[in-house]
Amino acid sequence: MSINPDDIFAFSPQHRLQWEEAQQKDVILYPEGMVELNQSSVEILKMCDGSRNLQQIVHDLEQKFGTTGLKDDIIQFLEIALQNGWIERTTN
């Protein structure tokens, strides 16, 4: 699955991102179950708010964490998130 730089990413309305006290982790909840997330995944998913494309997500996360070189890792995660239906994409 190829990520188009112009695609805008939004979290799927069929899923919910939330903190689970019992697991002490952020999770994705959906009708069939739950997925536990690491902190990097959570930060990327929070950027999928329907207003950002790939470049904006990369820029915002690199600024937030004071680093560079995150693009490949972010693309990899976005591809997984799309395949699993956690996020959706739209093109402007």
PDB file of N, CA and C in Angstrom:
ATOM      1  N   MET A   1       0.853  -1.176   0.000  1.00  0.00           N
ATOM      2  CA  MET A   1       0.000   0.000   0.000  1.00  0.00           C
ATOM      3  C   MET A   1       0.895   1.233   0.000  1.00  0.00           C
ATOM      4  N   SER A   2       0.672   2.077  -0.961  1.00  0.00           N
ATOM      5  CA  SER A   2       1.526   3.249  -1.123  1.00  0.00           C
ATOM      6  C   SER A   2       0.884   4.475  -0.468  1.00  0.00           C
ATOM      7  N   ILE A   3       1.697   5.221   0.216  1.00  0.00           N
ATOM      8  CA  ILE A   3       1.241   6.460   0.853  1.00  0.00           C
ATOM      9  C   ILE A   3       1.469   7.612  -0.114  1.00  0.00           C
ATOM     10  N   ASN A   4       0.412   8.309  -0.451  1.00  0.00           N
ATOM     11  CA  ASN A   4       0.487   9.488  -1.298  1.00  0.00           C
ATOM     12  C   ASN A   4       0.736  10.685  -0.391  1.00  0.00           C
ATOM     13  N   PRO A   5       1.759  11.497  -0.690  1.00  0.00           N
ATOM     14  CA  PRO A   5       2.077  12.644   0.178  1.00  0.00           C
ATOM     15  C   PRO A   5       0.927  13.636   0.359  1.00  0.00           C
ATOM     16  N   ASP A   6      -0.033  13.645  -0.570  1.00  0.00           N
ATOM     17  CA  ASP A   6      -1.146  14.593  -0.481  1.00  0.00           C
ATOM     18  C   ASP A   6      -2.343  14.048   0.298  1.00  0.00           C
ATOM     19  N   ASP A   7      -2.325  12.768   0.632  1.00  0.00           N
ATOM     20  CA  ASP A   7      -3.431  12.194   1.386  1.00  0.00           C
ATOM     21  C   ASP A   7      -3.523  12.834   2.768  1.00  0.00           C
ATOM     22  N   ILE A   8      -4.734  13.092   3.185  1.00  0.00           N
ATOM     23  CA  ILE A   8      -5.017  13.591   4.529  1.00  0.00           C
ATOM     24  C   ILE A   8      -5.470  12.382   5.344  1.00  0.00           C
ATOM     25  N   PHE A   9      -4.933  12.238   6.546  1.00  0.00           N
ATOM     26  CA  PHE A   9      -5.236  11.072   7.358  1.00  0.00           C
ATOM     27  C   PHE A   9      -6.139  11.425   8.526  1.00  0.00           C
ATOM     28  N   ALA A  10      -7.123  10.559   8.767  1.00  0.00           N
ATOM     29  CA  ALA A  10      -8.063  10.754   9.865  1.00  0.00           C
ATOM     30  C   ALA A  10      -8.270   9.424  10.580  1.00  0.00           C
ATOM     31  N   PHE A  11      -8.417   9.484  11.887  1.00  0.00           N
ATOM     32  CA  PHE A  11      -8.676   8.284  12.677  1.00  0.00           C
ATOM     33  C   PHE A  11     -10.059   7.760  12.314  1.00  0.00           C
ATOM     34  N   SER A  12     -10.181   6.461  12.199  1.00  0.00           N
ATOM     35  CA  SER A  12     -11.431   5.822  11.789  1.00  0.00           C
ATOM     36  C   SER A  12     -12.535   6.040  12.822  1.00  0.00           C
ATOM     37  N   PRO A  13     -13.733   6.391  12.376  1.00  0.00           N
ATOM     38  CA  PRO A  13     -14.842   6.563  13.322  1.00  0.00           C
ATOM     39  C   PRO A  13     -15.303   5.233  13.942  1.00  0.00           C
ATOM     40  N   GLN A  14     -14.900   4.101  13.373  1.00  0.00           N
ATOM     41  CA  GLN A  14     -15.253   2.796  13.928  1.00  0.00           C
ATOM     42  C   GLN A  14     -14.319   2.371  15.060  1.00  0.00           C
ATOM     43  N   HIS A  15     -13.303   3.169  15.321  1.00  0.00           N
ATOM     44  CA  HIS A  15     -12.317   2.861  16.361  1.00  0.00           C
ATOM     45  C   HIS A  15     -12.247   4.017  17.346  1.00  0.00           C
ATOM     46  N   ARG A  16     -11.722   3.723  18.526  1.00  0.00           N
ATOM     47  CA  ARG A  16     -11.559   4.776  19.528  1.00  0.00           C
ATOM     48  C   ARG A  16     -10.168   4.653  20.144  1.00  0.00           C
ATOM     49  N   LEU A  17      -9.465   5.762  20.194  1.00  0.00           N
ATOM     50  CA  LEU A  17      -8.143   5.825  20.812  1.00  0.00           C
ATOM     51  C   LEU A  17      -8.332   6.346  22.225  1.00  0.00           C
ATOM     52  N   GLN A  18      -7.881   5.559  23.227  1.00  0.00           N
ATOM     53  CA  GLN A  18      -8.046   6.015  24.603  1.00  0.00           C
ATOM     54  C   GLN A  18      -7.029   5.362  25.529  1.00  0.00           C
ATOM     55  N   TRP A  19      -6.836   5.986  26.682  1.00  0.00           N
ATOM     56  CA  TRP A  19      -5.981   5.456  27.736  1.00  0.00           C
ATOM     57  C   TRP A  19      -6.763   4.388  28.492  1.00  0.00           C
ATOM     58  N   GLU A  20      -6.157   3.232  28.684  1.00  0.00           N
ATOM     59  CA  GLU A  20      -6.764   2.151  29.463  1.00  0.00           C
ATOM     60  C   GLU A  20      -6.003   2.016  30.767  1.00  0.00           C
ATOM     61  N   GLU A  21      -6.654   2.359  31.836  1.00  0.00           N
ATOM     62  CA  GLU A  21      -6.026   2.321  33.153  1.00  0.00           C
ATOM     63  C   GLU A  21      -5.554   0.908  33.499  1.00  0.00           C
ATOM     64  N   ALA A  22      -6.357  -0.111  33.190  1.00  0.00           N
ATOM     65  CA  ALA A  22      -6.018  -1.495  33.546  1.00  0.00           C
ATOM     66  C   ALA A  22      -4.711  -1.941  32.895  1.00  0.00           C
ATOM     67  N   GLN A  23      -4.471  -1.517  31.643  1.00  0.00           N
ATOM     68  CA  GLN A  23      -3.248  -1.880  30.926  1.00  0.00           C
ATOM     69  C   GLN A  23      -2.134  -0.858  31.114  1.00  0.00           C
ATOM     70  N   GLN A  24      -2.485   0.299  31.652  1.00  0.00           N
ATOM     71  CA  GLN A  24      -1.542   1.403  31.771  1.00  0.00           C
ATOM     72  C   GLN A  24      -0.931   1.743  30.404  1.00  0.00           C
ATOM     73  N   LYS A  25      -1.805   1.743  29.378  1.00  0.00           N
ATOM     74  CA  LYS A  25      -1.382   2.021  28.007  1.00  0.00           C
ATOM     75  C   LYS A  25      -2.515   2.684  27.245  1.00  0.00           C
ATOM     76  N   ASP A  26      -2.129   3.372  26.182  1.00  0.00           N
ATOM     77  CA  ASP A  26      -3.120   3.811  25.215  1.00  0.00           C
ATOM     78  C   ASP A  26      -3.487   2.614  24.356  1.00  0.00           C
ATOM     79  N   VAL A  27      -4.746   2.554  23.966  1.00  0.00           N
ATOM     80  CA  VAL A  27      -5.230   1.437  23.162  1.00  0.00           C
ATOM     81  C   VAL A  27      -6.169   1.947  22.078  1.00  0.00           C
ATOM     82  N   ILE A  28      -6.362   1.104  21.081  1.00  0.00           N
ATOM     83  CA  ILE A  28      -7.412   1.314  20.099  1.00  0.00           C
ATOM     84  C   ILE A  28      -8.512   0.321  20.458  1.00  0.00           C
ATOM     85  N   LEU A  29      -9.720   0.843  20.668  1.00  0.00           N
ATOM     86  CA  LEU A  29     -10.873  -0.008  20.933  1.00  0.00           C
ATOM     87  C   LEU A  29     -11.725  -0.070  19.680  1.00  0.00           C
ATOM     88  N   TYR A  30     -12.235  -1.252  19.390  1.00  0.00           N
ATOM     89  CA  TYR A  30     -13.131  -1.449  18.253  1.00  0.00           C
ATOM     90  C   TYR A  30     -14.057  -2.610  18.601  1.00  0.00           C
ATOM     91  N   PRO A  31     -15.140  -2.807  17.846  1.00  0.00           N
ATOM     92  CA  PRO A  31     -16.127  -3.816  18.239  1.00  0.00           C
ATOM     93  C   PRO A  31     -15.559  -5.225  18.457  1.00  0.00           C
ATOM     94  N   GLU A  32     -14.541  -5.595  17.707  1.00  0.00           N
ATOM     95  CA  GLU A  32     -13.990  -6.945  17.816  1.00  0.00           C
ATOM     96  C   GLU A  32     -12.921  -7.078  18.885  1.00  0.00           C
ATOM     97  N   GLY A  33     -12.470  -5.977  19.492  1.00  0.00           N
ATOM     98  CA  GLY A  33     -11.422  -6.114  20.480  1.00  0.00           C
ATOM     99  C   GLY A  33     -10.676  -4.839  20.794  1.00  0.00           C
ATOM    100  N   MET A  34      -9.391  -5.037  21.098  1.00  0.00           N
ATOM    101  CA  MET A  34      -8.551  -3.933  21.553  1.00  0.00           C
ATOM    102  C   MET A  34      -7.116  -4.183  21.088  1.00  0.00           C
ATOM    103  N   VAL A  35      -6.412  -3.094  20.754  1.00  0.00           N
ATOM    104  CA  VAL A  35      -5.004  -3.161  20.374  1.00  0.00           C
ATOM    105  C   VAL A  35      -4.227  -2.249  21.316  1.00  0.00           C
ATOM    106  N   GLU A  36      -3.217  -2.803  22.001  1.00  0.00           N
ATOM    107  CA  GLU A  36      -2.350  -1.992  22.846  1.00  0.00           C
ATOM    108  C   GLU A  36      -1.312  -1.310  21.967  1.00  0.00           C
ATOM    109  N   LEU A  37      -0.994  -0.052  22.284  1.00  0.00           N
ATOM    110  CA  LEU A  37      -0.089   0.749  21.463  1.00  0.00           C
ATOM    111  C   LEU A  37       1.135   1.191  22.250  1.00  0.00           C
ATOM    112  N   ASN A  38       2.254   1.340  21.528  1.00  0.00           N
ATOM    113  CA  ASN A  38       3.419   1.969  22.148  1.00  0.00           C
ATOM    114  C   ASN A  38       3.275   3.484  21.972  1.00  0.00           C
ATOM    115  N   GLN A  39       4.103   4.244  22.644  1.00  0.00           N
ATOM    116  CA  GLN A  39       3.966   5.698  22.653  1.00  0.00           C
ATOM    117  C   GLN A  39       4.170   6.319  21.270  1.00  0.00           C
ATOM    118  N   SER A  40       5.084   5.768  20.480  1.00  0.00           N
ATOM    119  CA  SER A  40       5.311   6.308  19.132  1.00  0.00           C
ATOM    120  C   SER A  40       4.052   6.181  18.282  1.00  0.00           C
ATOM    121  N   SER A  41       3.400   5.032  18.359  1.00  0.00           N
ATOM    122  CA  SER A  41       2.169   4.806  17.596  1.00  0.00           C
ATOM    123  C   SER A  41       1.080   5.786  18.009  1.00  0.00           C
ATOM    124  N   VAL A  42       0.958   6.005  19.301  1.00  0.00           N
ATOM    125  CA  VAL A  42      -0.046   6.939  19.815  1.00  0.00           C
ATOM    126  C   VAL A  42       0.206   8.340  19.268  1.00  0.00           C
ATOM    127  N   GLU A  43       1.456   8.778  19.291  1.00  0.00           N
ATOM    128  CA  GLU A  43       1.778  10.129  18.810  1.00  0.00           C
ATOM    129  C   GLU A  43       1.433  10.288  17.330  1.00  0.00           C
ATOM    130  N   ILE A  44       1.704   9.267  16.529  1.00  0.00           N
ATOM    131  CA  ILE A  44       1.367   9.335  15.100  1.00  0.00           C
ATOM    132  C   ILE A  44      -0.147   9.371  14.937  1.00  0.00           C
ATOM    133  N   LEU A  45      -0.868   8.497  15.636  1.00  0.00           N
ATOM    134  CA  LEU A  45      -2.327   8.456  15.501  1.00  0.00           C
ATOM    135  C   LEU A  45      -2.978   9.759  15.938  1.00  0.00           C
ATOM    136  N   LYS A  46      -2.432  10.413  16.939  1.00  0.00           N
ATOM    137  CA  LYS A  46      -2.984  11.700  17.370  1.00  0.00           C
ATOM    138  C   LYS A  46      -2.873  12.749  16.263  1.00  0.00           C
ATOM    139  N   MET A  47      -1.897  12.605  15.390  1.00  0.00           N
ATOM    140  CA  MET A  47      -1.726  13.537  14.269  1.00  0.00           C
ATOM    141  C   MET A  47      -2.722  13.256  13.136  1.00  0.00           C
ATOM    142  N   CYS A  48      -3.349  12.096  13.162  1.00  0.00           N
ATOM    143  CA  CYS A  48      -4.312  11.715  12.120  1.00  0.00           C
ATOM    144  C   CYS A  48      -5.685  12.258  12.501  1.00  0.00           C
ATOM    145  N   ASP A  49      -5.816  13.570  12.410  1.00  0.00           N
ATOM    146  CA  ASP A  49      -7.025  14.251  12.859  1.00  0.00           C
ATOM    147  C   ASP A  49      -7.860  14.815  11.708  1.00  0.00           C
ATOM    148  N   GLY A  50      -7.517  14.411  10.483  1.00  0.00           N
ATOM    149  CA  GLY A  50      -8.265  14.877   9.324  1.00  0.00           C
ATOM    150  C   GLY A  50      -7.796  16.206   8.776  1.00  0.00           C
ATOM    151  N   SER A  51      -6.710  16.747   9.337  1.00  0.00           N
ATOM    152  CA  SER A  51      -6.228  18.045   8.856  1.00  0.00           C
ATOM    153  C   SER A  51      -4.792  17.995   8.332  1.00  0.00           C
ATOM    154  N   ARG A  52      -4.109  16.860   8.494  1.00  0.00           N
ATOM    155  CA  ARG A  52      -2.688  16.797   8.141  1.00  0.00           C
ATOM    156  C   ARG A  52      -2.414  15.748   7.063  1.00  0.00           C
ATOM    157  N   ASN A  53      -1.469  16.091   6.155  1.00  0.00           N
ATOM    158  CA  ASN A  53      -0.958  15.112   5.210  1.00  0.00           C
ATOM    159  C   ASN A  53       0.359  14.559   5.753  1.00  0.00           C
ATOM    160  N   LEU A  54       1.006  13.692   4.993  1.00  0.00           N
ATOM    161  CA  LEU A  54       2.228  13.043   5.452  1.00  0.00           C
ATOM    162  C   LEU A  54       3.298  14.051   5.859  1.00  0.00           C
ATOM    163  N   GLN A  55       3.577  15.023   5.004  1.00  0.00           N
ATOM    164  CA  GLN A  55       4.621  15.996   5.315  1.00  0.00           C
ATOM    165  C   GLN A  55       4.315  16.763   6.604  1.00  0.00           C
ATOM    166  N   GLN A  56       3.054  17.114   6.801  1.00  0.00           N
ATOM    167  CA  GLN A  56       2.675  17.845   8.006  1.00  0.00           C
ATOM    168  C   GLN A  56       2.835  16.972   9.249  1.00  0.00           C
ATOM    169  N   ILE A  57       2.470  15.701   9.148  1.00  0.00           N
ATOM    170  CA  ILE A  57       2.629  14.786  10.282  1.00  0.00           C
ATOM    171  C   ILE A  57       4.105  14.643  10.624  1.00  0.00           C
ATOM    172  N   VAL A  58       4.938  14.416   9.607  1.00  0.00           N
ATOM    173  CA  VAL A  58       6.377  14.271   9.840  1.00  0.00           C
ATOM    174  C   VAL A  58       6.934  15.549  10.461  1.00  0.00           C
ATOM    175  N   HIS A  59       6.622  16.689   9.883  1.00  0.00           N
ATOM    176  CA  HIS A  59       7.125  17.969  10.389  1.00  0.00           C
ATOM    177  C   HIS A  59       6.707  18.178  11.844  1.00  0.00           C
ATOM    178  N   ASP A  60       5.429  17.991  12.128  1.00  0.00           N
ATOM    179  CA  ASP A  60       4.926  18.240  13.477  1.00  0.00           C
ATOM    180  C   ASP A  60       5.580  17.319  14.502  1.00  0.00           C
ATOM    181  N   LEU A  61       5.756  16.037  14.159  1.00  0.00           N
ATOM    182  CA  LEU A  61       6.375  15.107  15.102  1.00  0.00           C
ATOM    183  C   LEU A  61       7.867  15.391  15.275  1.00  0.00           C
ATOM    184  N   GLU A  62       8.548  15.738  14.195  1.00  0.00           N
ATOM    185  CA  GLU A  62       9.971  16.075  14.317  1.00  0.00           C
ATOM    186  C   GLU A  62      10.155  17.332  15.162  1.00  0.00           C
ATOM    187  N   GLN A  63       9.262  18.294  15.009  1.00  0.00           N
ATOM    188  CA  GLN A  63       9.314  19.511  15.835  1.00  0.00           C
ATOM    189  C   GLN A  63       9.023  19.171  17.298  1.00  0.00           C
ATOM    190  N   LYS A  64       8.001  18.385  17.526  1.00  0.00           N
ATOM    191  CA  LYS A  64       7.601  18.036  18.886  1.00  0.00           C
ATOM    192  C   LYS A  64       8.716  17.343  19.658  1.00  0.00           C
ATOM    193  N   PHE A  65       9.443  16.442  18.968  1.00  0.00           N
ATOM    194  CA  PHE A  65      10.458  15.654  19.638  1.00  0.00           C
ATOM    195  C   PHE A  65      11.880  16.129  19.361  1.00  0.00           C
ATOM    196  N   GLY A  66      12.019  17.250  18.639  1.00  0.00           N
ATOM    197  CA  GLY A  66      13.331  17.838  18.409  1.00  0.00           C
ATOM    198  C   GLY A  66      14.290  16.914  17.691  1.00  0.00           C
ATOM    199  N   THR A  67      13.810  16.244  16.654  1.00  0.00           N
ATOM    200  CA  THR A  67      14.631  15.302  15.915  1.00  0.00           C
ATOM    201  C   THR A  67      14.301  15.380  14.430  1.00  0.00           C
ATOM    202  N   THR A  68      15.033  14.629  13.627  1.00  0.00           N
ATOM    203  CA  THR A  68      14.771  14.522  12.192  1.00  0.00           C
ATOM    204  C   THR A  68      14.852  13.051  11.805  1.00  0.00           C
ATOM    205  N   GLY A  69      14.479  12.762  10.561  1.00  0.00           N
ATOM    206  CA  GLY A  69      14.620  11.403  10.048  1.00  0.00           C
ATOM    207  C   GLY A  69      13.507  10.448  10.434  1.00  0.00           C
ATOM    208  N   LEU A  70      12.323  10.977  10.771  1.00  0.00           N
ATOM    209  CA  LEU A  70      11.219  10.113  11.187  1.00  0.00           C
ATOM    210  C   LEU A  70      10.332   9.638  10.037  1.00  0.00           C
ATOM    211  N   LYS A  71      10.516  10.190   8.852  1.00  0.00           N
ATOM    212  CA  LYS A  71       9.583   9.954   7.748  1.00  0.00           C
ATOM    213  C   LYS A  71       9.383   8.471   7.439  1.00  0.00           C
ATOM    214  N   ASP A  72      10.447   7.701   7.292  1.00  0.00           N
ATOM    215  CA  ASP A  72      10.298   6.288   6.927  1.00  0.00           C
ATOM    216  C   ASP A  72       9.527   5.505   7.987  1.00  0.00           C
ATOM    217  N   ASP A  73       9.819   5.760   9.263  1.00  0.00           N
ATOM    218  CA  ASP A  73       9.105   5.076  10.338  1.00  0.00           C
ATOM    219  C   ASP A  73       7.628   5.460  10.358  1.00  0.00           C
ATOM    220  N   ILE A  74       7.344   6.720  10.113  1.00  0.00           N
ATOM    221  CA  ILE A  74       5.955   7.181  10.094  1.00  0.00           C
ATOM    222  C   ILE A  74       5.209   6.552   8.930  1.00  0.00           C
ATOM    223  N   ILE A  75       5.826   6.510   7.753  1.00  0.00           N
ATOM    224  CA  ILE A  75       5.193   5.871   6.592  1.00  0.00           C
ATOM    225  C   ILE A  75       4.893   4.406   6.891  1.00  0.00           C
ATOM    226  N   GLN A  76       5.855   3.720   7.474  1.00  0.00           N
ATOM    227  CA  GLN A  76       5.659   2.307   7.817  1.00  0.00           C
ATOM    228  C   GLN A  76       4.457   2.128   8.741  1.00  0.00           C
ATOM    229  N   PHE A  77       4.367   2.964   9.756  1.00  0.00           N
ATOM    230  CA  PHE A  77       3.243   2.835  10.677  1.00  0.00           C
ATOM    231  C   PHE A  77       1.922   3.208  10.008  1.00  0.00           C
ATOM    232  N   LEU A  78       1.902   4.269   9.203  1.00  0.00           N
ATOM    233  CA  LEU A  78       0.670   4.665   8.522  1.00  0.00           C
ATOM    234  C   LEU A  78       0.167   3.547   7.609  1.00  0.00           C
ATOM    235  N   GLU A  79       1.076   2.853   6.953  1.00  0.00           N
ATOM    236  CA  GLU A  79       0.675   1.724   6.100  1.00  0.00           C
ATOM    237  C   GLU A  79       0.012   0.624   6.929  1.00  0.00           C
ATOM    238  N   ILE A  80       0.575   0.318   8.090  1.00  0.00           N
ATOM    239  CA  ILE A  80      -0.014  -0.681   8.983  1.00  0.00           C
ATOM    240  C   ILE A  80      -1.382  -0.215   9.479  1.00  0.00           C
ATOM    241  N   ALA A  81      -1.459   1.050   9.869  1.00  0.00           N
ATOM    242  CA  ALA A  81      -2.717   1.597  10.377  1.00  0.00           C
ATOM    243  C   ALA A  81      -3.804   1.581   9.304  1.00  0.00           C
ATOM    244  N   LEU A  82      -3.440   1.889   8.069  1.00  0.00           N
ATOM    245  CA  LEU A  82      -4.404   1.825   6.965  1.00  0.00           C
ATOM    246  C   LEU A  82      -4.873   0.395   6.724  1.00  0.00           C
ATOM    247  N   GLN A  83      -3.941  -0.549   6.693  1.00  0.00           N
ATOM    248  CA  GLN A  83      -4.288  -1.951   6.471  1.00  0.00           C
ATOM    249  C   GLN A  83      -5.227  -2.481   7.553  1.00  0.00           C
ATOM    250  N   ASN A  84      -5.035  -2.019   8.774  1.00  0.00           N
ATOM    251  CA  ASN A  84      -5.858  -2.472   9.882  1.00  0.00           C
ATOM    252  C   ASN A  84      -7.157  -1.670  10.045  1.00  0.00           C
ATOM    253  N   GLY A  85      -7.320  -0.621   9.240  1.00  0.00           N
ATOM    254  CA  GLY A  85      -8.537   0.183   9.297  1.00  0.00           C
ATOM    255  C   GLY A  85      -8.572   1.155  10.449  1.00  0.00           C
ATOM    256  N   TRP A  86      -7.438   1.405  11.103  1.00  0.00           N
ATOM    257  CA  TRP A  86      -7.415   2.335  12.234  1.00  0.00           C
ATOM    258  C   TRP A  86      -7.530   3.773  11.760  1.00  0.00           C
ATOM    259  N   ILE A  87      -7.025   4.044  10.557  1.00  0.00           N
ATOM    260  CA  ILE A  87      -7.122   5.383   9.972  1.00  0.00           C
ATOM    261  C   ILE A  87      -7.695   5.273   8.572  1.00  0.00           C
ATOM    262  N   GLU A  88      -8.138   6.393   8.075  1.00  0.00           N
ATOM    263  CA  GLU A  88      -8.650   6.513   6.715  1.00  0.00           C
ATOM    264  C   GLU A  88      -7.891   7.631   6.031  1.00  0.00           C
ATOM    265  N   ARG A  89      -7.898   7.613   4.723  1.00  0.00           N
ATOM    266  CA  ARG A  89      -7.248   8.719   4.012  1.00  0.00           C
ATOM    267  C   ARG A  89      -8.208   9.332   3.015  1.00  0.00           C
ATOM    268  N   THR A  90      -8.015  10.618   2.837  1.00  0.00           N
ATOM    269  CA  THR A  90      -8.766  11.374   1.838  1.00  0.00           C
ATOM    270  C   THR A  90      -7.763  12.219   1.086  1.00  0.00           C
ATOM    271  N   THR A  91      -8.065  12.584  -0.111  1.00  0.00           N
ATOM    272  CA  THR A  91      -7.194  13.430  -0.912  1.00  0.00           C
ATOM    273  C   THR A  91      -7.861  14.776  -1.066  1.00  0.00           C
ATOM    274  N   ASN A  92      -7.093  15.818  -0.822  1.00  0.00           N
ATOM    275  CA  ASN A  92      -7.604  17.186  -1.018  1.00  0.00           C
ATOM    276  C   ASN A  92      -7.904  17.416  -2.462  1.00  0.00           C
TER     277      ASN A  92
END
